[in-house]
C-alpha atoms as a PDB file:
ATOM      1  CA  UNK A   1     -36.088 -19.100 -17.893  1.00  0.00           C
ATOM      2  CA  UNK A   2     -32.748 -18.937 -16.162  1.00  0.00           C
ATOM      3  CA  UNK A   3     -32.239 -18.842 -12.423  1.00  0.00           C
ATOM      4  CA  UNK A   4     -30.124 -15.761 -11.768  1.00  0.00           C
ATOM      5  CA  UNK A   5     -27.487 -15.496  -9.041  1.00  0.00           C
ATOM      6  CA  UNK A   6     -29.846 -13.556  -6.768  1.00  0.00           C
ATOM      7  CA  UNK A   7     -32.400 -16.373  -6.963  1.00  0.00           C
ATOM      8  CA  UNK A   8     -34.691 -14.463  -9.346  1.00  0.00           C
ATOM      9  CA  UNK A   9     -35.724 -15.865 -12.682  1.00  0.00           C
ATOM     10  CA  UNK A  10     -34.387 -14.182 -15.812  1.00  0.00           C
ATOM     11  CA  UNK A  11     -36.728 -12.532 -18.308  1.00  0.00           C
ATOM     12  CA  UNK A  12     -37.660 -14.080 -21.642  1.00  0.00           C
ATOM     13  CA  UNK A  13     -35.812 -12.384 -24.516  1.00  0.00           C
ATOM     14  CA  UNK A  14     -33.107 -10.931 -22.265  1.00  0.00           C
ATOM     15  CA  UNK A  15     -29.628 -12.367 -22.324  1.00  0.00           C
ATOM     16  CA  UNK A  16     -26.740 -12.090 -19.923  1.00  0.00           C
ATOM     17  CA  UNK A  17     -23.181 -12.879 -20.936  1.00  0.00           C
ATOM     18  CA  UNK A  18     -21.286 -14.631 -18.172  1.00  0.00           C
ATOM     19  CA  UNK A  19     -17.695 -15.715 -18.046  1.00  0.00           C
ATOM     20  CA  UNK A  20     -14.995 -16.453 -15.535  1.00  0.00           C
ATOM     21  CA  UNK A  21     -11.267 -16.233 -15.310  1.00  0.00           C
ATOM     22  CA  UNK A  22      -8.809 -17.893 -12.985  1.00  0.00           C
ATOM     23  CA  UNK A  23      -6.747 -14.694 -13.012  1.00  0.00           C
ATOM     24  CA  UNK A  24      -7.827 -11.219 -11.950  1.00  0.00           C
ATOM     25  CA  UNK A  25      -7.200  -8.388 -14.399  1.00  0.00           C
ATOM     26  CA  UNK A  26      -4.510  -5.906 -13.395  1.00  0.00           C
ATOM     27  CA  UNK A  27      -6.122  -2.897 -15.094  1.00  0.00           C
ATOM     28  CA  UNK A  28      -9.108  -1.963 -17.220  1.00  0.00           C
ATOM     29  CA  UNK A  29      -7.165   0.818 -18.961  1.00  0.00           C
ATOM     30  CA  UNK A  30      -6.388  -0.243 -22.536  1.00  0.00           C
ATOM     31  CA  UNK A  31      -3.494   2.215 -22.700  1.00  0.00           C
ATOM     32  CA  UNK A  32      -1.432   0.626 -19.913  1.00  0.00           C
ATOM     33  CA  UNK A  33      -2.303  -3.070 -19.829  1.00  0.00           C
ATOM     34  CA  UNK A  34       0.343  -5.700 -20.418  1.00  0.00           C
ATOM     35  CA  UNK A  35      -1.322  -9.018 -19.564  1.00  0.00           C
ATOM     36  CA  UNK A  36      -3.411 -11.317 -21.725  1.00  0.00           C
ATOM     37  CA  UNK A  37      -6.069 -11.434 -18.988  1.00  0.00           C
ATOM     38  CA  UNK A  38      -6.480  -7.650 -19.190  1.00  0.00           C
ATOM     39  CA  UNK A  39      -6.711  -7.877 -22.977  1.00  0.00           C
ATOM     40  CA  UNK A  40      -9.352 -10.617 -22.817  1.00  0.00           C
ATOM     41  CA  UNK A  41     -11.569  -8.590 -20.490  1.00  0.00           C
ATOM     42  CA  UNK A  42     -11.115  -5.392 -22.506  1.00  0.00           C
ATOM     43  CA  UNK A  43     -12.191  -7.166 -25.666  1.00  0.00           C
ATOM     44  CA  UNK A  44     -15.630  -7.462 -24.090  1.00  0.00           C
ATOM     45  CA  UNK A  45     -16.269  -3.821 -23.277  1.00  0.00           C
ATOM     46  CA  UNK A  46     -14.306  -1.203 -25.149  1.00  0.00           C
ATOM     47  CA  UNK A  47     -14.988   0.145 -28.577  1.00  0.00           C
ATOM     48  CA  UNK A  48     -12.748   1.280 -31.385  1.00  0.00           C
ATOM     49  CA  UNK A  49     -12.983   3.524 -34.409  1.00  0.00           C
ATOM     50  CA  UNK A  50     -12.918   0.465 -36.678  1.00  0.00           C
ATOM     51  CA  UNK A  51     -13.333  -3.271 -36.459  1.00  0.00           C
ATOM     52  CA  UNK A  52     -11.301  -5.601 -38.649  1.00  0.00           C
ATOM     53  CA  UNK A  53     -13.089  -8.769 -39.772  1.00  0.00           C
ATOM     54  CA  UNK A  54     -12.061 -11.483 -42.203  1.00  0.00           C
ATOM     55  CA  UNK A  55     -13.501 -11.140 -45.680  1.00  0.00           C
ATOM     56  CA  UNK A  56     -15.794 -13.877 -47.015  1.00  0.00           C
ATOM     57  CA  UNK A  57     -13.017 -16.056 -48.456  1.00  0.00           C
ATOM     58  CA  UNK A  58     -10.658 -15.456 -45.513  1.00  0.00           C
ATOM     59  CA  UNK A  59      -7.860 -14.092 -47.716  1.00  0.00           C
ATOM     60  CA  UNK A  60      -7.842 -10.669 -46.112  1.00  0.00           C
ATOM     61  CA  UNK A  61      -9.974  -8.449 -43.972  1.00  0.00           C
ATOM     62  CA  UNK A  62     -12.555  -5.714 -44.187  1.00  0.00           C
ATOM     63  CA  UNK A  63     -12.419  -2.478 -42.214  1.00  0.00           C
ATOM     64  CA  UNK A  64     -15.828  -1.860 -40.643  1.00  0.00           C
ATOM     65  CA  UNK A  65     -16.630   1.554 -39.112  1.00  0.00           C
ATOM     66  CA  UNK A  66     -17.744   1.235 -35.484  1.00  0.00           C
ATOM     67  CA  UNK A  67     -17.201   4.540 -33.679  1.00  0.00           C
ATOM     68  CA  UNK A  68     -16.150   6.134 -36.955  1.00  0.00           C
ATOM     69  CA  UNK A  69     -18.882   7.223 -39.336  1.00  0.00           C
ATOM     70  CA  UNK A  70     -17.190   6.015 -42.530  1.00  0.00           C
ATOM     71  CA  UNK A  71     -13.937   4.673 -43.934  1.00  0.00           C
ATOM     72  CA  UNK A  72     -10.886   6.851 -43.218  1.00  0.00           C
ATOM     73  CA  UNK A  73     -10.321   9.399 -45.975  1.00  0.00           C
ATOM     74  CA  UNK A  74      -6.728   9.755 -47.194  1.00  0.00           C
ATOM     75  CA  UNK A  75      -5.537  13.270 -47.993  1.00  0.00           C
ATOM     76  CA  UNK A  76      -3.191  13.500 -50.989  1.00  0.00           C
ATOM     77  CA  UNK A  77      -2.887   9.711 -51.315  1.00  0.00           C
ATOM     78  CA  UNK A  78      -0.236   7.930 -53.331  1.00  0.00           C
ATOM     79  CA  UNK A  79      -0.371   4.477 -54.881  1.00  0.00           C
ATOM     80  CA  UNK A  80       2.582   2.190 -54.081  1.00  0.00           C
ATOM     81  CA  UNK A  81       4.246  -0.187 -56.538  1.00  0.00           C
ATOM     82  CA  UNK A  82       2.071  -2.940 -55.064  1.00  0.00           C
ATOM     83  CA  UNK A  83      -1.124  -0.988 -55.729  1.00  0.00           C
ATOM     84  CA  UNK A  84      -1.793   0.006 -52.117  1.00  0.00           C
ATOM     85  CA  UNK A  85      -3.108   3.465 -51.321  1.00  0.00           C
ATOM     86  CA  UNK A  86      -1.023   5.265 -48.700  1.00  0.00           C
ATOM     87  CA  UNK A  87      -1.137   8.721 -47.163  1.00  0.00           C
ATOM     88  CA  UNK A  88       0.428  10.601 -44.296  1.00  0.00           C
ATOM     89  CA  UNK A  89      -2.778  12.492 -43.444  1.00  0.00           C
ATOM     90  CA  UNK A  90      -6.148  10.824 -42.887  1.00  0.00           C
ATOM     91  CA  UNK A  91      -9.511  12.280 -41.904  1.00  0.00           C
ATOM     92  CA  UNK A  92     -11.770  10.163 -39.717  1.00  0.00           C
ATOM     93  CA  UNK A  93     -15.377  11.232 -39.212  1.00  0.00           C
ATOM     94  CA  UNK A  94     -16.811  10.277 -35.822  1.00  0.00           C
ATOM     95  CA  UNK A  95     -20.254   8.665 -35.701  1.00  0.00           C
ATOM     96  CA  UNK A  96     -23.034  10.860 -34.304  1.00  0.00           C
ATOM     97  CA  UNK A  97     -24.869   9.622 -31.237  1.00  0.00           C
ATOM     98  CA  UNK A  98     -21.947   8.049 -29.381  1.00  0.00           C
ATOM     99  CA  UNK A  99     -22.328   8.288 -25.616  1.00  0.00           C
ATOM    100  CA  UNK A 100     -20.279   7.421 -22.573  1.00  0.00           C
ATOM    101  CA  UNK A 101     -21.824   4.659 -20.506  1.00  0.00           C
ATOM    102  CA  UNK A 102     -21.450   4.265 -16.762  1.00  0.00           C
ATOM    103  CA  UNK A 103     -22.455   1.261 -14.717  1.00  0.00           C
ATOM    104  CA  UNK A 104     -25.299   1.985 -12.351  1.00  0.00           C
ATOM    105  CA  UNK A 105     -25.108   5.767 -12.680  1.00  0.00           C
ATOM    106  CA  UNK A 106     -21.519   5.929 -11.443  1.00  0.00           C
ATOM    107  CA  UNK A 107     -20.464   8.785 -13.710  1.00  0.00           C
ATOM    108  CA  UNK A 108     -17.924  11.099 -12.050  1.00  0.00           C
ATOM    109  CA  UNK A 109     -19.388  14.361 -10.758  1.00  0.00           C
ATOM    110  CA  UNK A 110     -17.465  16.394 -13.350  1.00  0.00           C
ATOM    111  CA  UNK A 111     -19.259  14.637 -16.227  1.00  0.00           C
ATOM    112  CA  UNK A 112     -21.913  17.004 -17.514  1.00  0.00           C
ATOM    113  CA  UNK A 113     -22.411  15.545 -20.963  1.00  0.00           C
ATOM    114  CA  UNK A 114     -22.408  11.912 -22.094  1.00  0.00           C
ATOM    115  CA  UNK A 115     -21.746  12.767 -25.764  1.00  0.00           C
ATOM    116  CA  UNK A 116     -18.563  11.350 -27.301  1.00  0.00           C
ATOM    117  CA  UNK A 117     -17.086  13.462 -30.083  1.00  0.00           C
ATOM    118  CA  UNK A 118     -13.731  13.888 -31.829  1.00  0.00           C
ATOM    119  CA  UNK A 119     -12.415  16.013 -28.950  1.00  0.00           C
ATOM    120  CA  UNK A 120     -12.719  13.026 -26.613  1.00  0.00           C
ATOM    121  CA  UNK A 121     -10.415  11.003 -28.863  1.00  0.00           C
ATOM    122  CA  UNK A 122      -7.854  13.792 -29.232  1.00  0.00           C
ATOM    123  CA  UNK A 123      -7.924  14.586 -25.492  1.00  0.00           C
ATOM    124  CA  UNK A 124      -7.325  10.914 -24.706  1.00  0.00           C
ATOM    125  CA  UNK A 125      -4.365  10.740 -27.099  1.00  0.00           C
ATOM    126  CA  UNK A 126      -2.882  13.827 -25.461  1.00  0.00           C
ATOM    127  CA  UNK A 127      -3.268  12.366 -21.969  1.00  0.00           C
ATOM    128  CA  UNK A 128      -1.812   9.042 -23.114  1.00  0.00           C
ATOM    129  CA  UNK A 129       1.285  10.732 -24.524  1.00  0.00           C
ATOM    130  CA  UNK A 130       1.636  13.197 -21.630  1.00  0.00           C
ATOM    131  CA  UNK A 131       1.487  10.354 -19.112  1.00  0.00           C
ATOM    132  CA  UNK A 132       3.615   8.162 -21.405  1.00  0.00           C
ATOM    133  CA  UNK A 133       1.208   5.292 -21.111  1.00  0.00           C
ATOM    134  CA  UNK A 134       2.728   2.025 -22.289  1.00  0.00           C
ATOM    135  CA  UNK A 135       0.466   1.420 -25.317  1.00  0.00           C
ATOM    136  CA  UNK A 136       0.827   5.030 -26.523  1.00  0.00           C
ATOM    137  CA  UNK A 137       4.628   4.953 -26.614  1.00  0.00           C
ATOM    138  CA  UNK A 138       5.528   1.263 -27.143  1.00  0.00           C
ATOM    139  CA  UNK A 139       4.159  -2.217 -27.571  1.00  0.00           C
ATOM    140  CA  UNK A 140       3.041  -1.978 -31.211  1.00  0.00           C
ATOM    141  CA  UNK A 141       0.120   0.102 -32.405  1.00  0.00           C
ATOM    142  CA  UNK A 142       1.625   3.051 -30.530  1.00  0.00           C
ATOM    143  CA  UNK A 143       2.138   6.608 -31.774  1.00  0.00           C
ATOM    144  CA  UNK A 144       5.941   6.559 -31.926  1.00  0.00           C
ATOM    145  CA  UNK A 145       6.890   3.468 -33.957  1.00  0.00           C
ATOM    146  CA  UNK A 146       8.201   4.425 -37.406  1.00  0.00           C
ATOM    147  CA  UNK A 147       5.549   2.566 -39.415  1.00  0.00           C
ATOM    148  CA  UNK A 148       2.679   4.526 -37.847  1.00  0.00           C
ATOM    149  CA  UNK A 149       4.399   7.412 -36.074  1.00  0.00           C
ATOM    150  CA  UNK A 150       2.235  10.481 -35.510  1.00  0.00           C
ATOM    151  CA  UNK A 151       3.938  13.717 -36.560  1.00  0.00           C
ATOM    152  CA  UNK A 152       5.837  15.208 -33.595  1.00  0.00           C
ATOM    153  CA  UNK A 153       4.525  12.625 -31.101  1.00  0.00           C
ATOM    154  CA  UNK A 154       8.072  11.602 -30.136  1.00  0.00           C
ATOM    155  CA  UNK A 155       9.079  15.252 -29.835  1.00  0.00           C
ATOM    156  CA  UNK A 156       6.049  15.890 -27.573  1.00  0.00           C
ATOM    157  CA  UNK A 157       7.030  12.966 -25.345  1.00  0.00           C
ATOM    158  CA  UNK A 158      10.607  14.324 -25.291  1.00  0.00           C
ATOM    159  CA  UNK A 159       9.268  17.753 -24.257  1.00  0.00           C
ATOM    160  CA  UNK A 160      10.609  19.638 -27.286  1.00  0.00           C
ATOM    161  CA  UNK A 161       7.228  20.599 -28.847  1.00  0.00           C
ATOM    162  CA  UNK A 162       3.795  21.582 -27.547  1.00  0.00           C
ATOM    163  CA  UNK A 163       0.648  19.496 -28.071  1.00  0.00           C
ATOM    164  CA  UNK A 164      -0.561  21.927 -30.743  1.00  0.00           C
ATOM    165  CA  UNK A 165       2.366  20.752 -32.920  1.00  0.00           C
ATOM    166  CA  UNK A 166       1.412  17.056 -32.761  1.00  0.00           C
ATOM    167  CA  UNK A 167      -0.298  15.672 -35.851  1.00  0.00           C
ATOM    168  CA  UNK A 168      -3.641  14.802 -34.226  1.00  0.00           C
ATOM    169  CA  UNK A 169      -6.276  17.525 -34.494  1.00  0.00           C
ATOM    170  CA  UNK A 170     -10.016  18.006 -34.640  1.00  0.00           C
ATOM    171  CA  UNK A 171     -11.229  19.415 -37.942  1.00  0.00           C
ATOM    172  CA  UNK A 172     -14.883  20.474 -37.989  1.00  0.00           C
ATOM    173  CA  UNK A 173     -17.350  20.227 -40.852  1.00  0.00           C
ATOM    174  CA  UNK A 174     -15.497  18.005 -43.299  1.00  0.00           C
END
């Protein structure tokens, strides 16, 4: 047994992860953070479509679906001179059964459904670009950098196109 902070004993078979930091996080929003402390904390609680783990011989990595239901599906792929498959359009199926989680029943009053679906991802991307959150528009892994630019994302940020013209959409029943 473990003596918990409140003086109660812990329960057999239940585990509690505990950690500490000498620095307080600035934000818990993964779209706007810019400190390593924020990143460390976020690594403990937020999910992603995919996880990237080293392969068995540590010469590369494997892409493991987490919130996605399967590997991303390239549309009209091409094979590069190096044998890599590339595409400009990818379909990502979202895993069924994903739910929002709130500590101690603290869900906002406007939340009427805990189900996470593809619309939640697209809505978040739209908000991130509308608000020009740091990680959506810069900092690597963003939507504007040439190597992974989303169609018309820069134009949306610049105010020259509407959201419906940005290359992130929900496609049902694929």
